[in-house]
Amino acid sequence: MSVTLPVTCPACRTQLKVRSLRCETCGTEIHGEYDLPLWMHLPEEDRRFILQFVKNSGSLKDMARHMGLSYPTVRNLLNEIIIKINEYEN
C-alpha cells in the first residue's frame, strides 16, 4: 500500500512546501523551498484519471470504453479536473 504525500498542513490547512530532497543511493541532499507540483494538489482519483487519459493517447472514447462509462460521463469527469486545475492556478 502506498502512502500519499501530504500537500496541506494537518494543523492549519495551508499548502506545504518541500524543504529538502535526499538521494537514497549516494546521500546527496538538496535544501531550499520548493512548491509541490500542481499534480500533487489533485485528488488521487483525478491523478489516476489523468494517467489513464495519457495512456489512452488523450482519447475520451477509449477512456469511456476502459472505464465502462459513457462518453459524456467521461467528458464531465475531465471537465471537473480542468475546473480544479483552473481554480488552483488562480
PDB file of N, CA and C in Angstrom:
ATOM      1  N   MET A   1       0.844  -1.175   0.000  1.00  0.00           N
ATOM      2  CA  MET A   1       0.000   0.000   0.000  1.00  0.00           C
ATOM      3  C   MET A   1       0.894   1.245   0.000  1.00  0.00           C
ATOM      4  N   SER A   2       0.609   2.166  -0.914  1.00  0.00           N
ATOM      5  CA  SER A   2       1.413   3.375  -0.999  1.00  0.00           C
ATOM      6  C   SER A   2       0.817   4.470  -0.127  1.00  0.00           C
ATOM      7  N   VAL A   3       1.688   5.316   0.378  1.00  0.00           N
ATOM      8  CA  VAL A   3       1.276   6.446   1.205  1.00  0.00           C
ATOM      9  C   VAL A   3       1.320   7.692   0.335  1.00  0.00           C
ATOM     10  N   THR A   4       0.252   8.467   0.350  1.00  0.00           N
ATOM     11  CA  THR A   4       0.193   9.688  -0.441  1.00  0.00           C
ATOM     12  C   THR A   4       0.917  10.814   0.283  1.00  0.00           C
ATOM     13  N   LEU A   5       1.708  11.545  -0.453  1.00  0.00           N
ATOM     14  CA  LEU A   5       2.435  12.686   0.088  1.00  0.00           C
ATOM     15  C   LEU A   5       1.442  13.756   0.531  1.00  0.00           C
ATOM     16  N   PRO A   6       1.525  14.225   1.771  1.00  0.00           N
ATOM     17  CA  PRO A   6       0.601  15.286   2.201  1.00  0.00           C
ATOM     18  C   PRO A   6       0.923  16.585   1.473  1.00  0.00           C
ATOM     19  N   VAL A   7      -0.128  17.349   1.140  1.00  0.00           N
ATOM     20  CA  VAL A   7       0.067  18.616   0.436  1.00  0.00           C
ATOM     21  C   VAL A   7      -0.434  19.802   1.252  1.00  0.00           C
ATOM     22  N   THR A   8      -1.173  19.528   2.325  1.00  0.00           N
ATOM     23  CA  THR A   8      -1.639  20.605   3.202  1.00  0.00           C
ATOM     24  C   THR A   8      -1.266  20.292   4.639  1.00  0.00           C
ATOM     25  N   CYS A   9      -1.062  21.336   5.415  1.00  0.00           N
ATOM     26  CA  CYS A   9      -0.716  21.213   6.821  1.00  0.00           C
ATOM     27  C   CYS A   9      -1.904  20.614   7.580  1.00  0.00           C
ATOM     28  N   PRO A  10      -1.681  19.570   8.375  1.00  0.00           N
ATOM     29  CA  PRO A  10      -2.792  18.986   9.124  1.00  0.00           C
ATOM     30  C   PRO A  10      -3.329  19.905  10.220  1.00  0.00           C
ATOM     31  N   ALA A  11      -2.541  20.890  10.638  1.00  0.00           N
ATOM     32  CA  ALA A  11      -2.975  21.789  11.709  1.00  0.00           C
ATOM     33  C   ALA A  11      -3.766  22.987  11.185  1.00  0.00           C
ATOM     34  N   CYS A  12      -3.234  23.654  10.143  1.00  0.00           N
ATOM     35  CA  CYS A  12      -3.881  24.900   9.687  1.00  0.00           C
ATOM     36  C   CYS A  12      -4.394  24.844   8.255  1.00  0.00           C
ATOM     37  N   ARG A  13      -4.145  23.748   7.541  1.00  0.00           N
ATOM     38  CA  ARG A  13      -4.651  23.512   6.180  1.00  0.00           C
ATOM     39  C   ARG A  13      -4.013  24.392   5.095  1.00  0.00           C
ATOM     40  N   THR A  14      -2.894  25.055   5.383  1.00  0.00           N
ATOM     41  CA  THR A  14      -2.199  25.797   4.324  1.00  0.00           C
ATOM     42  C   THR A  14      -1.338  24.823   3.515  1.00  0.00           C
ATOM     43  N   GLN A  15      -0.932  25.254   2.322  1.00  0.00           N
ATOM     44  CA  GLN A  15      -0.147  24.391   1.456  1.00  0.00           C
ATOM     45  C   GLN A  15       1.249  24.176   2.014  1.00  0.00           C
ATOM     46  N   LEU A  16       1.683  22.926   1.972  1.00  0.00           N
ATOM     47  CA  LEU A  16       3.036  22.593   2.396  1.00  0.00           C
ATOM     48  C   LEU A  16       4.015  22.869   1.266  1.00  0.00           C
ATOM     49  N   LYS A  17       5.266  23.087   1.609  1.00  0.00           N
ATOM     50  CA  LYS A  17       6.339  23.261   0.643  1.00  0.00           C
ATOM     51  C   LYS A  17       7.414  22.224   0.947  1.00  0.00           C
ATOM     52  N   VAL A  18       8.151  21.851  -0.061  1.00  0.00           N
ATOM     53  CA  VAL A  18       9.255  20.913   0.104  1.00  0.00           C
ATOM     54  C   VAL A  18      10.486  21.713   0.516  1.00  0.00           C
ATOM     55  N   ARG A  19      11.173  21.283   1.560  1.00  0.00           N
ATOM     56  CA  ARG A  19      12.372  21.985   2.024  1.00  0.00           C
ATOM     57  C   ARG A  19      13.639  21.183   1.788  1.00  0.00           C
ATOM     58  N   SER A  20      13.512  19.869   1.608  1.00  0.00           N
ATOM     59  CA  SER A  20      14.705  19.047   1.487  1.00  0.00           C
ATOM     60  C   SER A  20      14.411  17.827   0.616  1.00  0.00           C
ATOM     61  N   LEU A  21      15.377  17.493  -0.227  1.00  0.00           N
ATOM     62  CA  LEU A  21      15.317  16.278  -1.038  1.00  0.00           C
ATOM     63  C   LEU A  21      16.610  15.510  -0.796  1.00  0.00           C
ATOM     64  N   ARG A  22      16.509  14.172  -0.760  1.00  0.00           N
ATOM     65  CA  ARG A  22      17.687  13.365  -0.478  1.00  0.00           C
ATOM     66  C   ARG A  22      17.740  12.173  -1.413  1.00  0.00           C
ATOM     67  N   CYS A  23      18.917  11.920  -1.987  1.00  0.00           N
ATOM     68  CA  CYS A  23      19.141  10.745  -2.817  1.00  0.00           C
ATOM     69  C   CYS A  23      19.478   9.571  -1.912  1.00  0.00           C
ATOM     70  N   GLU A  24      18.693   8.517  -1.978  1.00  0.00           N
ATOM     71  CA  GLU A  24      18.942   7.352  -1.129  1.00  0.00           C
ATOM     72  C   GLU A  24      20.159   6.561  -1.589  1.00  0.00           C
ATOM     73  N   THR A  25      20.591   6.741  -2.826  1.00  0.00           N
ATOM     74  CA  THR A  25      21.735   5.997  -3.344  1.00  0.00           C
ATOM     75  C   THR A  25      23.060   6.583  -2.854  1.00  0.00           C
ATOM     76  N   CYS A  26      23.236   7.888  -3.027  1.00  0.00           N
ATOM     77  CA  CYS A  26      24.537   8.485  -2.684  1.00  0.00           C
ATOM     78  C   CYS A  26      24.493   9.409  -1.468  1.00  0.00           C
ATOM     79  N   GLY A  27      23.298   9.710  -0.972  1.00  0.00           N
ATOM     80  CA  GLY A  27      23.184  10.551   0.210  1.00  0.00           C
ATOM     81  C   GLY A  27      23.193  12.044  -0.052  1.00  0.00           C
ATOM     82  N   THR A  28      23.267  12.450  -1.314  1.00  0.00           N
ATOM     83  CA  THR A  28      23.235  13.873  -1.632  1.00  0.00           C
ATOM     84  C   THR A  28      21.924  14.477  -1.136  1.00  0.00           C
ATOM     85  N   GLU A  29      22.018  15.654  -0.516  1.00  0.00           N
ATOM     86  CA  GLU A  29      20.832  16.352  -0.039  1.00  0.00           C
ATOM     87  C   GLU A  29      20.767  17.732  -0.662  1.00  0.00           C
ATOM     88  N   ILE A  30      19.555  18.131  -1.015  1.00  0.00           N
ATOM     89  CA  ILE A  30      19.314  19.451  -1.585  1.00  0.00           C
ATOM     90  C   ILE A  30      18.336  20.159  -0.662  1.00  0.00           C
ATOM     91  N   HIS A  31      18.689  21.358  -0.242  1.00  0.00           N
ATOM     92  CA  HIS A  31      17.832  22.124   0.664  1.00  0.00           C
ATOM     93  C   HIS A  31      17.397  23.416  -0.019  1.00  0.00           C
ATOM     94  N   GLY A  32      16.195  23.806   0.241  1.00  0.00           N
ATOM     95  CA  GLY A  32      15.644  25.025  -0.326  1.00  0.00           C
ATOM     96  C   GLY A  32      14.163  25.071   0.017  1.00  0.00           C
ATOM     97  N   GLU A  33      13.428  25.871  -0.693  1.00  0.00           N
ATOM     98  CA  GLU A  33      11.977  25.915  -0.501  1.00  0.00           C
ATOM     99  C   GLU A  33      11.328  25.806  -1.868  1.00  0.00           C
ATOM    100  N   TYR A  34      10.636  24.689  -2.079  1.00  0.00           N
ATOM    101  CA  TYR A  34      10.074  24.369  -3.386  1.00  0.00           C
ATOM    102  C   TYR A  34       8.574  24.121  -3.271  1.00  0.00           C
ATOM    103  N   ASP A  35       7.824  24.636  -4.245  1.00  0.00           N
ATOM    104  CA  ASP A  35       6.400  24.359  -4.303  1.00  0.00           C
ATOM    105  C   ASP A  35       6.194  22.930  -4.787  1.00  0.00           C
ATOM    106  N   LEU A  36       5.150  22.299  -4.302  1.00  0.00           N
ATOM    107  CA  LEU A  36       4.767  20.994  -4.824  1.00  0.00           C
ATOM    108  C   LEU A  36       4.132  21.201  -6.200  1.00  0.00           C
ATOM    109  N   PRO A  37       4.331  20.259  -7.110  1.00  0.00           N
ATOM    110  CA  PRO A  37       3.729  20.418  -8.435  1.00  0.00           C
ATOM    111  C   PRO A  37       2.207  20.381  -8.362  1.00  0.00           C
ATOM    112  N   LEU A  38       1.577  21.055  -9.289  1.00  0.00           N
ATOM    113  CA  LEU A  38       0.115  21.109  -9.368  1.00  0.00           C
ATOM    114  C   LEU A  38      -0.490  19.713  -9.280  1.00  0.00           C
ATOM    115  N   TRP A  39       0.128  18.765  -9.960  1.00  0.00           N
ATOM    116  CA  TRP A  39      -0.324  17.372  -9.993  1.00  0.00           C
ATOM    117  C   TRP A  39      -0.593  16.844  -8.578  1.00  0.00           C
ATOM    118  N   MET A  40       0.251  17.192  -7.638  1.00  0.00           N
ATOM    119  CA  MET A  40       0.128  16.680  -6.271  1.00  0.00           C
ATOM    120  C   MET A  40      -1.060  17.281  -5.528  1.00  0.00           C
ATOM    121  N   HIS A  41      -1.576  18.393  -5.982  1.00  0.00           N
ATOM    122  CA  HIS A  41      -2.705  19.033  -5.310  1.00  0.00           C
ATOM    123  C   HIS A  41      -4.043  18.447  -5.744  1.00  0.00           C
ATOM    124  N   LEU A  42      -4.028  17.614  -6.786  1.00  0.00           N
ATOM    125  CA  LEU A  42      -5.255  16.967  -7.236  1.00  0.00           C
ATOM    126  C   LEU A  42      -5.497  15.705  -6.417  1.00  0.00           C
ATOM    127  N   PRO A  43      -6.753  15.347  -6.207  1.00  0.00           N
ATOM    128  CA  PRO A  43      -7.046  14.098  -5.504  1.00  0.00           C
ATOM    129  C   PRO A  43      -6.477  12.889  -6.265  1.00  0.00           C
ATOM    130  N   GLU A  44      -6.173  11.838  -5.548  1.00  0.00           N
ATOM    131  CA  GLU A  44      -5.603  10.626  -6.138  1.00  0.00           C
ATOM    132  C   GLU A  44      -6.447  10.118  -7.318  1.00  0.00           C
ATOM    133  N   GLU A  45      -7.743  10.143  -7.173  1.00  0.00           N
ATOM    134  CA  GLU A  45      -8.644   9.674  -8.230  1.00  0.00           C
ATOM    135  C   GLU A  45      -8.443  10.483  -9.519  1.00  0.00           C
ATOM    136  N   ASP A  46      -8.270  11.789  -9.390  1.00  0.00           N
ATOM    137  CA  ASP A  46      -8.035  12.643 -10.562  1.00  0.00           C
ATOM    138  C   ASP A  46      -6.678  12.345 -11.191  1.00  0.00           C
ATOM    139  N   ARG A  47      -5.667  12.088 -10.355  1.00  0.00           N
ATOM    140  CA  ARG A  47      -4.343  11.763 -10.879  1.00  0.00           C
ATOM    141  C   ARG A  47      -4.371  10.438 -11.644  1.00  0.00           C
ATOM    142  N   ARG A  48      -5.116   9.469 -11.125  1.00  0.00           N
ATOM    143  CA  ARG A  48      -5.252   8.191 -11.841  1.00  0.00           C
ATOM    144  C   ARG A  48      -5.958   8.397 -13.183  1.00  0.00           C
ATOM    145  N   PHE A  49      -6.998   9.243 -13.193  1.00  0.00           N
ATOM    146  CA  PHE A  49      -7.724   9.538 -14.430  1.00  0.00           C
ATOM    147  C   PHE A  49      -6.779  10.150 -15.461  1.00  0.00           C
ATOM    148  N   ILE A  50      -5.994  11.139 -15.049  1.00  0.00           N
ATOM    149  CA  ILE A  50      -5.075  11.813 -15.973  1.00  0.00           C
ATOM    150  C   ILE A  50      -4.048  10.832 -16.524  1.00  0.00           C
ATOM    151  N   LEU A  51      -3.511   9.979 -15.665  1.00  0.00           N
ATOM    152  CA  LEU A  51      -2.530   8.989 -16.110  1.00  0.00           C
ATOM    153  C   LEU A  51      -3.151   8.051 -17.139  1.00  0.00           C
ATOM    154  N   GLN A  52      -4.353   7.572 -16.877  1.00  0.00           N
ATOM    155  CA  GLN A  52      -5.027   6.686 -17.822  1.00  0.00           C
ATOM    156  C   GLN A  52      -5.363   7.421 -19.114  1.00  0.00           C
ATOM    157  N   PHE A  53      -5.735   8.688 -19.007  1.00  0.00           N
ATOM    158  CA  PHE A  53      -6.028   9.520 -20.174  1.00  0.00           C
ATOM    159  C   PHE A  53      -4.805   9.607 -21.084  1.00  0.00           C
ATOM    160  N   VAL A  54      -3.646   9.814 -20.498  1.00  0.00           N
ATOM    161  CA  VAL A  54      -2.401   9.879 -21.273  1.00  0.00           C
ATOM    162  C   VAL A  54      -2.120   8.518 -21.905  1.00  0.00           C
ATOM    163  N   LYS A  55      -2.293   7.451 -21.139  1.00  0.00           N
ATOM    164  CA  LYS A  55      -2.061   6.104 -21.670  1.00  0.00           C
ATOM    165  C   LYS A  55      -2.998   5.787 -22.836  1.00  0.00           C
ATOM    166  N   ASN A  56      -4.173   6.405 -22.850  1.00  0.00           N
ATOM    167  CA  ASN A  56      -5.134   6.224 -23.928  1.00  0.00           C
ATOM    168  C   ASN A  56      -4.968   7.293 -25.010  1.00  0.00           C
ATOM    169  N   SER A  57      -3.809   7.918 -25.052  1.00  0.00           N
ATOM    170  CA  SER A  57      -3.468   8.927 -26.065  1.00  0.00           C
ATOM    171  C   SER A  57      -4.472  10.070 -26.121  1.00  0.00           C
ATOM    172  N   GLY A  58      -5.062  10.403 -24.987  1.00  0.00           N
ATOM    173  CA  GLY A  58      -5.992  11.522 -24.936  1.00  0.00           C
ATOM    174  C   GLY A  58      -7.340  11.236 -25.565  1.00  0.00           C
ATOM    175  N   SER A  59      -7.662   9.975 -25.757  1.00  0.00           N
ATOM    176  CA  SER A  59      -8.932   9.618 -26.385  1.00  0.00           C
ATOM    177  C   SER A  59     -10.015   9.397 -25.328  1.00  0.00           C
ATOM    178  N   LEU A  60     -10.991  10.295 -25.314  1.00  0.00           N
ATOM    179  CA  LEU A  60     -12.106  10.128 -24.372  1.00  0.00           C
ATOM    180  C   LEU A  60     -12.932   8.900 -24.737  1.00  0.00           C
ATOM    181  N   LYS A  61     -13.000   8.586 -26.005  1.00  0.00           N
ATOM    182  CA  LYS A  61     -13.724   7.396 -26.448  1.00  0.00           C
ATOM    183  C   LYS A  61     -13.081   6.135 -25.855  1.00  0.00           C
ATOM    184  N   ASP A  62     -11.756   6.054 -25.925  1.00  0.00           N
ATOM    185  CA  ASP A  62     -11.050   4.912 -25.339  1.00  0.00           C
ATOM    186  C   ASP A  62     -11.171   4.905 -23.818  1.00  0.00           C
ATOM    187  N   MET A  63     -11.136   6.085 -23.223  1.00  0.00           N
ATOM    188  CA  MET A  63     -11.309   6.184 -21.766  1.00  0.00           C
ATOM    189  C   MET A  63     -12.679   5.653 -21.345  1.00  0.00           C
ATOM    190  N   ALA A  64     -13.710   6.033 -22.084  1.00  0.00           N
ATOM    191  CA  ALA A  64     -15.066   5.578 -21.773  1.00  0.00           C
ATOM    192  C   ALA A  64     -15.132   4.058 -21.833  1.00  0.00           C
ATOM    193  N   ARG A  65     -14.545   3.483 -22.857  1.00  0.00           N
ATOM    194  CA  ARG A  65     -14.540   2.030 -23.002  1.00  0.00           C
ATOM    195  C   ARG A  65     -13.764   1.384 -21.843  1.00  0.00           C
ATOM    196  N   HIS A  66     -12.599   1.938 -21.525  1.00  0.00           N
ATOM    197  CA  HIS A  66     -11.758   1.405 -20.446  1.00  0.00           C
ATOM    198  C   HIS A  66     -12.466   1.473 -19.087  1.00  0.00           C
ATOM    199  N   MET A  67     -13.171   2.568 -18.842  1.00  0.00           N
ATOM    200  CA  MET A  67     -13.825   2.784 -17.550  1.00  0.00           C
ATOM    201  C   MET A  67     -15.230   2.189 -17.482  1.00  0.00           C
ATOM    202  N   GLY A  68     -15.753   1.785 -18.622  1.00  0.00           N
ATOM    203  CA  GLY A  68     -17.110   1.252 -18.647  1.00  0.00           C
ATOM    204  C   GLY A  68     -18.158   2.327 -18.413  1.00  0.00           C
ATOM    205  N   LEU A  69     -17.845   3.541 -18.867  1.00  0.00           N
ATOM    206  CA  LEU A  69     -18.747   4.684 -18.705  1.00  0.00           C
ATOM    207  C   LEU A  69     -19.099   5.247 -20.073  1.00  0.00           C
ATOM    208  N   SER A  70     -20.111   6.098 -20.106  1.00  0.00           N
ATOM    209  CA  SER A  70     -20.475   6.744 -21.362  1.00  0.00           C
ATOM    210  C   SER A  70     -19.479   7.863 -21.668  1.00  0.00           C
ATOM    211  N   TYR A  71     -19.383   8.198 -22.946  1.00  0.00           N
ATOM    212  CA  TYR A  71     -18.508   9.294 -23.374  1.00  0.00           C
ATOM    213  C   TYR A  71     -18.846  10.596 -22.646  1.00  0.00           C
ATOM    214  N   PRO A  72     -20.155  10.990 -22.555  1.00  0.00           N
ATOM    215  CA  PRO A  72     -20.467  12.247 -21.852  1.00  0.00           C
ATOM    216  C   PRO A  72     -20.050  12.227 -20.378  1.00  0.00           C
ATOM    217  N   THR A  73     -20.147  11.072 -19.733  1.00  0.00           N
ATOM    218  CA  THR A  73     -19.734  10.976 -18.327  1.00  0.00           C
ATOM    219  C   THR A  73     -18.229  11.203 -18.197  1.00  0.00           C
ATOM    220  N   VAL A  74     -17.463  10.578 -19.070  1.00  0.00           N
ATOM    221  CA  VAL A  74     -16.001  10.747 -19.046  1.00  0.00           C
ATOM    222  C   VAL A  74     -15.635  12.192 -19.380  1.00  0.00           C
ATOM    223  N   ARG A  75     -16.338  12.790 -20.325  1.00  0.00           N
ATOM    224  CA  ARG A  75     -16.099  14.201 -20.672  1.00  0.00           C
ATOM    225  C   ARG A  75     -16.351  15.088 -19.458  1.00  0.00           C
ATOM    226  N   ASN A  76     -17.422  14.789 -18.696  1.00  0.00           N
ATOM    227  CA  ASN A  76     -17.728  15.563 -17.486  1.00  0.00           C
ATOM    228  C   ASN A  76     -16.641  15.386 -16.430  1.00  0.00           C
ATOM    229  N   LEU A  77     -16.106  14.173 -16.289  1.00  0.00           N
ATOM    230  CA  LEU A  77     -15.012  13.946 -15.337  1.00  0.00           C
ATOM    231  C   LEU A  77     -13.794  14.794 -15.710  1.00  0.00           C
ATOM    232  N   LEU A  78     -13.478  14.821 -17.011  1.00  0.00           N
ATOM    233  CA  LEU A  78     -12.352  15.638 -17.466  1.00  0.00           C
ATOM    234  C   LEU A  78     -12.625  17.119 -17.222  1.00  0.00           C
ATOM    235  N   ASN A  79     -13.834  17.565 -17.501  1.00  0.00           N
ATOM    236  CA  ASN A  79     -14.187  18.971 -17.257  1.00  0.00           C
ATOM    237  C   ASN A  79     -14.020  19.340 -15.785  1.00  0.00           C
ATOM    238  N   GLU A  80     -14.397  18.435 -14.880  1.00  0.00           N
ATOM    239  CA  GLU A  80     -14.255  18.694 -13.443  1.00  0.00           C
ATOM    240  C   GLU A  80     -12.784  18.838 -13.051  1.00  0.00           C
ATOM    241  N   ILE A  81     -11.933  18.026 -13.645  1.00  0.00           N
ATOM    242  CA  ILE A  81     -10.496  18.125 -13.373  1.00  0.00           C
ATOM    243  C   ILE A  81      -9.954  19.449 -13.910  1.00  0.00           C
ATOM    244  N   ILE A  82     -10.394  19.840 -15.087  1.00  0.00           N
ATOM    245  CA  ILE A  82      -9.964  21.119 -15.668  1.00  0.00           C
ATOM    246  C   ILE A  82     -10.367  22.277 -14.758  1.00  0.00           C
ATOM    247  N   ILE A  83     -11.573  22.230 -14.209  1.00  0.00           N
ATOM    248  CA  ILE A  83     -12.039  23.269 -13.284  1.00  0.00           C
ATOM    249  C   ILE A  83     -11.139  23.325 -12.058  1.00  0.00           C
ATOM    250  N   LYS A  84     -10.794  22.163 -11.489  1.00  0.00           N
ATOM    251  CA  LYS A  84      -9.912  22.116 -10.308  1.00  0.00           C
ATOM    252  C   LYS A  84      -8.544  22.722 -10.630  1.00  0.00           C
ATOM    253  N   ILE A  85      -8.022  22.405 -11.797  1.00  0.00           N
ATOM    254  CA  ILE A  85      -6.714  22.942 -12.197  1.00  0.00           C
ATOM    255  C   ILE A  85      -6.789  24.460 -12.343  1.00  0.00           C
ATOM    256  N   ASN A  86      -7.836  24.947 -12.985  1.00  0.00           N
ATOM    257  CA  ASN A  86      -8.009  26.401 -13.154  1.00  0.00           C
ATOM    258  C   ASN A  86      -8.175  27.100 -11.813  1.00  0.00           C
ATOM    259  N   GLU A  87      -8.911  26.499 -10.883  1.00  0.00           N
ATOM    260  CA  GLU A  87      -9.075  27.098  -9.554  1.00  0.00           C
ATOM    261  C   GLU A  87      -7.747  27.158  -8.817  1.00  0.00           C
ATOM    262  N   TYR A  88      -6.944  26.105  -8.939  1.00  0.00           N
ATOM    263  CA  TYR A  88      -5.661  26.083  -8.252  1.00  0.00           C
ATOM    264  C   TYR A  88      -4.719  27.143  -8.812  1.00  0.00           C
ATOM    265  N   GLU A  89      -4.746  27.321 -10.135  1.00  0.00           N
ATOM    266  CA  GLU A  89      -3.836  28.280 -10.761  1.00  0.00           C
ATOM    267  C   GLU A  89      -4.219  29.729 -10.466  1.00  0.00           C
ATOM    268  N   ASN A  90      -5.467  29.977 -10.083  1.00  0.00           N
ATOM    269  CA  ASN A  90      -5.908  31.359  -9.803  1.00  0.00           C
ATOM    270  C   ASN A  90      -5.777  31.667  -8.378  1.00  0.00           C
TER     271      ASN A  90
END
